[in-house]
């Protein structure tokens, strides 16, 4: 930001040039004004630099946070997939055991039914033969 220094001389006329050299008071005011302008300019430049640095830092921190967030997300996803894989393997194992147990129980029940039916078959054969014999007489 450029500043133009406006100096009012003791004659009441406006001047944009340096203060009159013969008037010590105006030279001091001019010097103080010039120093103030330089200080303001330096402060503005420093503030602009600080804003630029803050913007760069914020941009870097955002990029770092984004990278860290993506890495955390990928890690969590991998952990979740591993947990699900382990649980699924456990469920499959339980299902296989249940199927095996159920098949064994069904086989045992079938053997019981078959054994019960076997003894009744002999009895049924005897009854059928008797009835045939009685009809034939």
N, C-alpha and C. Protein backbone atom coordinates (compact mmCIF):
# COMPACT_ATOMS: atom_id res chain seq x y z
N UNK A 1 0.86 -1.17 0.00
CA UNK A 1 0.00 0.00 0.00
C UNK A 1 0.90 1.22 0.00
N UNK A 2 0.78 2.04 -1.01
CA UNK A 2 1.61 3.23 -1.10
C UNK A 2 0.96 4.41 -0.41
N UNK A 3 1.73 5.16 0.32
CA UNK A 3 1.22 6.33 1.02
C UNK A 3 1.92 7.57 0.49
N UNK A 4 1.16 8.64 0.37
CA UNK A 4 1.75 9.92 -0.02
C UNK A 4 1.70 10.82 1.20
N UNK A 5 2.78 11.43 1.49
CA UNK A 5 2.87 12.28 2.66
C UNK A 5 2.48 13.70 2.26
N UNK A 6 1.53 14.24 2.99
CA UNK A 6 1.08 15.61 2.75
C UNK A 6 1.56 16.46 3.93
N UNK A 7 2.34 17.46 3.65
CA UNK A 7 2.91 18.30 4.70
C UNK A 7 2.31 19.70 4.57
N UNK A 8 1.83 20.19 5.70
CA UNK A 8 1.33 21.57 5.72
C UNK A 8 2.43 22.43 6.31
N UNK A 9 2.83 23.39 5.57
CA UNK A 9 3.93 24.26 6.04
C UNK A 9 3.35 25.36 6.91
N UNK A 10 4.28 26.09 7.54
CA UNK A 10 3.84 27.17 8.43
C UNK A 10 3.21 28.33 7.66
N UNK A 11 3.28 28.28 6.36
CA UNK A 11 2.66 29.34 5.56
C UNK A 11 1.22 29.01 5.26
N UNK A 12 0.79 27.77 5.62
CA UNK A 12 -0.59 27.38 5.37
C UNK A 12 -0.78 26.76 4.00
N UNK A 13 0.27 26.65 3.21
CA UNK A 13 0.15 26.07 1.88
C UNK A 13 0.46 24.58 1.96
N UNK A 14 -0.25 23.81 1.11
CA UNK A 14 -0.01 22.36 1.06
C UNK A 14 1.19 22.08 0.17
N UNK A 15 1.96 21.13 0.57
CA UNK A 15 3.12 20.76 -0.20
C UNK A 15 3.30 19.25 -0.09
N UNK A 16 3.68 18.63 -1.19
CA UNK A 16 3.96 17.20 -1.14
C UNK A 16 5.45 16.95 -1.10
N UNK A 17 6.22 17.94 -1.09
CA UNK A 17 7.67 17.83 -1.04
C UNK A 17 8.15 17.82 0.39
N UNK A 18 9.44 17.85 0.57
CA UNK A 18 9.99 17.85 1.93
C UNK A 18 9.66 19.15 2.67
N UNK A 19 9.74 19.07 3.97
CA UNK A 19 9.45 20.24 4.79
C UNK A 19 10.51 21.31 4.55
N UNK A 20 10.17 22.53 4.82
CA UNK A 20 11.16 23.60 4.65
C UNK A 20 12.36 23.34 5.55
N UNK A 21 13.55 23.56 5.02
CA UNK A 21 14.77 23.23 5.75
C UNK A 21 15.07 24.24 6.84
N UNK A 22 14.53 25.38 6.74
CA UNK A 22 14.87 26.39 7.74
C UNK A 22 14.01 26.29 8.99
N UNK A 23 12.99 25.51 8.95
CA UNK A 23 12.12 25.42 10.11
C UNK A 23 12.36 24.09 10.81
N UNK A 24 13.03 24.09 11.95
CA UNK A 24 13.41 22.89 12.68
C UNK A 24 12.20 22.12 13.17
N UNK A 25 11.18 22.80 13.64
CA UNK A 25 9.97 22.14 14.14
C UNK A 25 9.31 21.33 13.05
N UNK A 26 9.19 21.89 11.87
CA UNK A 26 8.54 21.18 10.77
C UNK A 26 9.41 20.03 10.27
N UNK A 27 10.73 20.20 10.37
CA UNK A 27 11.60 19.09 9.98
C UNK A 27 11.42 17.91 10.92
N UNK A 28 11.27 18.21 12.21
CA UNK A 28 11.05 17.14 13.20
C UNK A 28 9.71 16.45 12.94
N UNK A 29 8.66 17.24 12.67
CA UNK A 29 7.34 16.67 12.38
C UNK A 29 7.43 15.83 11.11
N UNK A 30 8.11 16.38 10.11
CA UNK A 30 8.26 15.66 8.85
C UNK A 30 8.99 14.33 9.08
N UNK A 31 10.06 14.37 9.85
CA UNK A 31 10.84 13.16 10.14
C UNK A 31 9.99 12.16 10.92
N UNK A 32 9.25 12.62 11.92
CA UNK A 32 8.39 11.73 12.70
C UNK A 32 7.30 11.14 11.81
N UNK A 33 6.71 11.96 10.94
CA UNK A 33 5.68 11.47 10.03
C UNK A 33 6.27 10.43 9.09
N UNK A 34 7.44 10.72 8.58
CA UNK A 34 8.09 9.78 7.67
C UNK A 34 8.39 8.46 8.38
N UNK A 35 8.87 8.55 9.62
CA UNK A 35 9.15 7.35 10.40
C UNK A 35 7.86 6.57 10.68
N UNK A 36 6.78 7.30 10.96
CA UNK A 36 5.48 6.66 11.21
C UNK A 36 5.02 5.93 9.95
N UNK A 37 5.16 6.58 8.79
CA UNK A 37 4.78 5.95 7.53
C UNK A 37 5.62 4.70 7.29
N UNK A 38 6.90 4.79 7.53
CA UNK A 38 7.77 3.63 7.35
C UNK A 38 7.40 2.51 8.31
N UNK A 39 7.11 2.89 9.55
CA UNK A 39 6.70 1.89 10.55
C UNK A 39 5.40 1.22 10.13
N UNK A 40 4.45 2.02 9.66
CA UNK A 40 3.17 1.46 9.20
C UNK A 40 3.40 0.53 8.02
N UNK A 41 4.22 0.96 7.09
CA UNK A 41 4.52 0.14 5.90
C UNK A 41 5.17 -1.18 6.32
N UNK A 42 6.15 -1.10 7.23
CA UNK A 42 6.82 -2.31 7.71
C UNK A 42 5.83 -3.23 8.43
N UNK A 43 4.96 -2.63 9.23
CA UNK A 43 3.96 -3.40 9.96
C UNK A 43 2.98 -4.08 9.00
N UNK A 44 2.55 -3.35 7.97
CA UNK A 44 1.66 -3.93 6.98
C UNK A 44 2.33 -5.08 6.23
N UNK A 45 3.60 -4.89 5.88
CA UNK A 45 4.34 -5.95 5.20
C UNK A 45 4.50 -7.17 6.10
N UNK A 46 4.79 -6.89 7.38
CA UNK A 46 4.93 -7.99 8.34
C UNK A 46 3.59 -8.72 8.50
N UNK A 47 2.50 -7.97 8.59
CA UNK A 47 1.17 -8.57 8.72
C UNK A 47 0.83 -9.41 7.49
N UNK A 48 1.17 -8.89 6.31
CA UNK A 48 0.91 -9.65 5.07
C UNK A 48 1.73 -10.94 5.07
N UNK A 49 2.99 -10.86 5.51
CA UNK A 49 3.85 -12.04 5.57
C UNK A 49 3.28 -13.06 6.56
N UNK A 50 2.83 -12.57 7.72
CA UNK A 50 2.25 -13.45 8.74
C UNK A 50 1.00 -14.12 8.19
N UNK A 51 0.15 -13.35 7.46
CA UNK A 51 -1.06 -13.93 6.86
C UNK A 51 -0.70 -15.01 5.84
N UNK A 52 0.31 -14.73 5.01
CA UNK A 52 0.74 -15.72 4.02
C UNK A 52 1.25 -16.98 4.70
N UNK A 53 2.09 -16.78 5.72
CA UNK A 53 2.64 -17.93 6.45
C UNK A 53 1.53 -18.72 7.14
N UNK A 54 0.57 -18.02 7.72
CA UNK A 54 -0.55 -18.69 8.39
C UNK A 54 -1.39 -19.47 7.38
N UNK A 55 -1.61 -18.88 6.21
CA UNK A 55 -2.38 -19.57 5.16
C UNK A 55 -1.64 -20.82 4.70
N UNK A 56 -0.31 -20.70 4.51
CA UNK A 56 0.48 -21.85 4.10
C UNK A 56 0.47 -22.94 5.16
N UNK A 57 0.61 -22.52 6.43
CA UNK A 57 0.58 -23.47 7.54
C UNK A 57 -0.77 -24.17 7.62
N UNK A 58 -1.85 -23.40 7.49
CA UNK A 58 -3.19 -23.98 7.53
C UNK A 58 -3.38 -24.97 6.38
N UNK A 59 -2.89 -24.61 5.22
CA UNK A 59 -3.00 -25.50 4.04
C UNK A 59 -2.23 -26.80 4.30
N UNK A 60 -1.03 -26.67 4.85
CA UNK A 60 -0.22 -27.85 5.15
C UNK A 60 -0.90 -28.71 6.21
N UNK A 61 -1.41 -28.06 7.27
CA UNK A 61 -2.07 -28.82 8.33
C UNK A 61 -3.31 -29.53 7.81
N UNK A 62 -4.06 -28.87 6.92
CA UNK A 62 -5.25 -29.50 6.33
C UNK A 62 -4.83 -30.72 5.51
N UNK A 63 -3.77 -30.59 4.72
CA UNK A 63 -3.30 -31.71 3.90
C UNK A 63 -2.83 -32.85 4.81
N UNK A 64 -2.10 -32.50 5.87
CA UNK A 64 -1.63 -33.53 6.81
C UNK A 64 -2.81 -34.22 7.48
N UNK A 65 -3.79 -33.44 7.91
CA UNK A 65 -4.97 -34.00 8.57
C UNK A 65 -5.74 -34.90 7.60
N UNK A 66 -5.85 -34.48 6.35
CA UNK A 66 -6.55 -35.29 5.35
C UNK A 66 -5.81 -36.62 5.14
N UNK A 67 -4.47 -36.53 4.99
CA UNK A 67 -3.69 -37.76 4.81
C UNK A 67 -3.82 -38.68 6.03
N UNK A 68 -3.75 -38.10 7.22
CA UNK A 68 -3.86 -38.89 8.44
C UNK A 68 -5.26 -39.51 8.54
N UNK A 69 -6.28 -38.73 8.20
CA UNK A 69 -7.64 -39.25 8.23
C UNK A 69 -7.84 -40.39 7.26
N UNK A 70 -7.29 -40.25 6.06
CA UNK A 70 -7.39 -41.33 5.06
C UNK A 70 -6.65 -42.57 5.54
N UNK A 71 -5.47 -42.37 6.13
CA UNK A 71 -4.71 -43.51 6.65
C UNK A 71 -5.47 -44.19 7.78
N UNK A 72 -6.05 -43.40 8.69
CA UNK A 72 -6.84 -43.96 9.79
C UNK A 72 -8.04 -44.73 9.24
N UNK A 73 -8.69 -44.17 8.23
CA UNK A 73 -9.86 -44.81 7.63
C UNK A 73 -9.46 -46.14 6.99
N UNK A 74 -8.36 -46.14 6.25
CA UNK A 74 -7.89 -47.38 5.61
C UNK A 74 -7.52 -48.42 6.66
N UNK A 75 -6.86 -47.98 7.73
CA UNK A 75 -6.47 -48.91 8.79
C UNK A 75 -7.72 -49.49 9.47
N UNK A 76 -8.69 -48.63 9.77
CA UNK A 76 -9.93 -49.09 10.40
C UNK A 76 -10.67 -50.06 9.48
N UNK A 77 -10.68 -49.76 8.19
CA UNK A 77 -11.36 -50.63 7.23
C UNK A 77 -10.66 -52.00 7.18
N UNK A 78 -9.33 -52.00 7.16
CA UNK A 78 -8.59 -53.26 7.13
C UNK A 78 -8.84 -54.06 8.41
N UNK A 79 -8.84 -53.38 9.56
CA UNK A 79 -9.12 -54.06 10.83
C UNK A 79 -10.52 -54.64 10.84
N UNK A 80 -11.48 -53.87 10.35
CA UNK A 80 -12.87 -54.33 10.32
C UNK A 80 -13.01 -55.53 9.39
N UNK A 81 -12.37 -55.46 8.23
CA UNK A 81 -12.42 -56.60 7.31
C UNK A 81 -11.82 -57.85 7.96
N UNK A 82 -10.72 -57.69 8.69
CA UNK A 82 -10.09 -58.83 9.36
C UNK A 82 -11.02 -59.40 10.43
N UNK A 83 -11.65 -58.51 11.21
CA UNK A 83 -12.60 -58.96 12.24
C UNK A 83 -13.76 -59.70 11.61
N UNK A 84 -14.29 -59.15 10.53
CA UNK A 84 -15.42 -59.80 9.86
C UNK A 84 -14.99 -61.15 9.30
N UNK A 85 -13.80 -61.21 8.72
CA UNK A 85 -13.29 -62.48 8.19
C UNK A 85 -13.18 -63.51 9.31
N UNK A 86 -12.66 -63.09 10.48
CA UNK A 86 -12.53 -64.00 11.62
C UNK A 86 -13.89 -64.46 12.12
N UNK A 87 -14.82 -63.52 12.24
CA UNK A 87 -16.17 -63.88 12.70
C UNK A 87 -16.86 -64.80 11.71
N UNK A 88 -16.70 -64.52 10.43
CA UNK A 88 -17.30 -65.36 9.40
C UNK A 88 -16.72 -66.77 9.45
N UNK A 89 -15.42 -66.87 9.66
CA UNK A 89 -14.80 -68.20 9.78
C UNK A 89 -15.37 -68.93 11.00
N UNK A 90 -15.56 -68.21 12.10
CA UNK A 90 -16.14 -68.80 13.30
C UNK A 90 -17.57 -69.27 13.07
N UNK A 91 -18.34 -68.44 12.37
CA UNK A 91 -19.73 -68.81 12.07
C UNK A 91 -19.77 -70.03 11.14
N UNK A 92 -18.88 -70.05 10.16
CA UNK A 92 -18.82 -71.22 9.27
C UNK A 92 -18.45 -72.48 10.04
N UNK A 93 -17.51 -72.35 10.97
CA UNK A 93 -17.10 -73.50 11.78
C UNK A 93 -18.29 -73.97 12.63
N UNK A 94 -19.00 -73.02 13.26
CA UNK A 94 -20.16 -73.40 14.06
C UNK A 94 -21.23 -74.06 13.20
N UNK A 95 -21.44 -73.54 12.00
CA UNK A 95 -22.43 -74.12 11.09
C UNK A 95 -22.03 -75.54 10.70
N UNK A 96 -20.75 -75.74 10.42
CA UNK A 96 -20.27 -77.08 10.07
C UNK A 96 -20.46 -78.04 11.24
N UNK A 97 -20.14 -77.59 12.45
CA UNK A 97 -20.32 -78.43 13.64
C UNK A 97 -21.80 -78.74 13.87
N UNK A 98 -22.65 -77.74 13.70
CA UNK A 98 -24.09 -77.94 13.86
C UNK A 98 -24.62 -78.92 12.82
N UNK A 99 -24.16 -78.77 11.59
CA UNK A 99 -24.57 -79.68 10.52
C UNK A 99 -24.12 -81.10 10.82
N UNK A 100 -22.89 -81.22 11.28
CA UNK A 100 -22.38 -82.54 11.63
C UNK A 100 -23.18 -83.16 12.78
N UNK A 101 -23.45 -82.36 13.81
CA UNK A 101 -24.23 -82.83 14.96
C UNK A 101 -25.64 -83.21 14.53
N UNK A 102 -26.24 -82.33 13.70
CA UNK A 102 -27.60 -82.60 13.23
C UNK A 102 -27.64 -83.87 12.38
N UNK A 103 -26.63 -84.04 11.52
CA UNK A 103 -26.58 -85.25 10.70
C UNK A 103 -26.42 -86.49 11.57
N UNK A 104 -25.59 -86.40 12.60
CA UNK A 104 -25.40 -87.54 13.51
C UNK A 104 -26.69 -87.83 14.26
N UNK A 105 -27.36 -86.78 14.75
CA UNK A 105 -28.63 -86.98 15.46
C UNK A 105 -29.69 -87.55 14.53
N UNK A 106 -29.76 -87.03 13.31
CA UNK A 106 -30.74 -87.54 12.34
C UNK A 106 -30.44 -89.00 11.99
N UNK A 107 -29.15 -89.33 11.86
CA UNK A 107 -28.77 -90.72 11.58
C UNK A 107 -29.17 -91.63 12.72
N UNK A 108 -28.91 -91.17 13.96
CA UNK A 108 -29.27 -91.98 15.13
C UNK A 108 -30.78 -92.16 15.22
N UNK A 109 -31.52 -91.09 14.95
CA UNK A 109 -33.00 -91.17 14.99
C UNK A 109 -33.50 -92.11 13.88
N UNK A 110 -32.87 -92.04 12.73
CA UNK A 110 -33.25 -92.94 11.63
C UNK A 110 -32.98 -94.39 12.01
N UNK A 111 -31.85 -94.61 12.68
CA UNK A 111 -31.54 -95.98 13.13
C UNK A 111 -32.58 -96.46 14.13
N UNK A 112 -33.00 -95.56 15.06
CA UNK A 112 -34.02 -95.93 16.05
C UNK A 112 -35.34 -96.29 15.35
N UNK A 113 -35.73 -95.42 14.40
CA UNK A 113 -36.98 -95.66 13.68
C UNK A 113 -36.89 -96.96 12.88
N UNK A 114 -35.75 -97.17 12.26
CA UNK A 114 -35.55 -98.38 11.47
C UNK A 114 -35.57 -99.61 12.36
N UNK A 115 -34.95 -99.54 13.53
CA UNK A 115 -34.93 -100.66 14.47
C UNK A 115 -36.35 -100.94 14.97
N UNK A 116 -37.07 -99.84 15.31
CA UNK A 116 -38.45 -100.02 15.78
C UNK A 116 -39.31 -100.60 14.66
N UNK A 117 -39.09 -100.14 13.48
CA UNK A 117 -39.87 -100.64 12.34
C UNK A 117 -39.49 -102.09 12.04
N UNK A 118 -38.21 -102.45 12.22
CA UNK A 118 -37.75 -103.83 11.95
C UNK A 118 -38.47 -104.83 12.83
N UNK A 119 -38.61 -104.52 14.10
CA UNK A 119 -39.31 -105.44 14.99
C UNK A 119 -40.79 -105.49 14.66
N UNK A 120 -41.34 -104.45 14.23
CA UNK A 120 -42.76 -104.42 13.86
C UNK A 120 -43.01 -105.09 12.51
N UNK A 121 -42.00 -105.05 11.65
CA UNK A 121 -42.15 -105.69 10.34
C UNK A 121 -42.35 -107.19 10.54
N UNK A 122 -41.55 -107.76 11.39
CA UNK A 122 -41.70 -109.20 11.66
C UNK A 122 -43.09 -109.48 12.22
N UNK A 123 -43.54 -108.61 13.12
CA UNK A 123 -44.87 -108.78 13.71
C UNK A 123 -45.95 -108.60 12.64
N UNK A 124 -45.76 -107.59 11.77
CA UNK A 124 -46.71 -107.33 10.69
C UNK A 124 -46.76 -108.51 9.71
N UNK A 125 -45.61 -109.10 9.44
CA UNK A 125 -45.58 -110.26 8.55
C UNK A 125 -46.37 -111.42 9.15
N UNK A 126 -46.19 -111.63 10.45
CA UNK A 126 -46.91 -112.70 11.13
C UNK A 126 -48.42 -112.47 11.05
N UNK A 127 -48.84 -111.21 11.26
CA UNK A 127 -50.28 -110.90 11.22
C UNK A 127 -50.82 -111.11 9.81
N UNK A 128 -50.11 -110.66 8.82
CA UNK A 128 -50.56 -110.79 7.43
C UNK A 128 -50.66 -112.27 7.06
N UNK A 129 -49.67 -113.04 7.44
CA UNK A 129 -49.69 -114.47 7.11
C UNK A 129 -50.86 -115.14 7.80
N UNK A 130 -51.13 -114.84 9.05
CA UNK A 130 -52.26 -115.42 9.78
C UNK A 130 -53.59 -115.07 9.11
N UNK A 131 -53.70 -113.80 8.73
CA UNK A 131 -54.95 -113.40 8.09
C UNK A 131 -55.13 -114.11 6.73
N UNK A 132 -54.06 -114.30 6.02
CA UNK A 132 -54.15 -115.01 4.74
C UNK A 132 -54.52 -116.48 4.98
N UNK A 133 -53.94 -117.04 5.98
CA UNK A 133 -54.22 -118.44 6.31
C UNK A 133 -55.67 -118.57 6.71
N UNK A 134 -56.20 -117.65 7.47
CA UNK A 134 -57.59 -117.72 7.92
C UNK A 134 -58.54 -117.52 6.76
N UNK A 135 -58.20 -116.69 5.81
CA UNK A 135 -59.06 -116.47 4.66
C UNK A 135 -59.08 -117.67 3.75
N UNK A 136 -57.92 -118.32 3.70
CA UNK A 136 -57.83 -119.47 2.83
C UNK A 136 -58.59 -120.66 3.44
N UNK A 137 -58.94 -120.78 4.53
CA UNK A 137 -59.59 -121.91 5.16
C UNK A 137 -61.01 -121.87 4.92
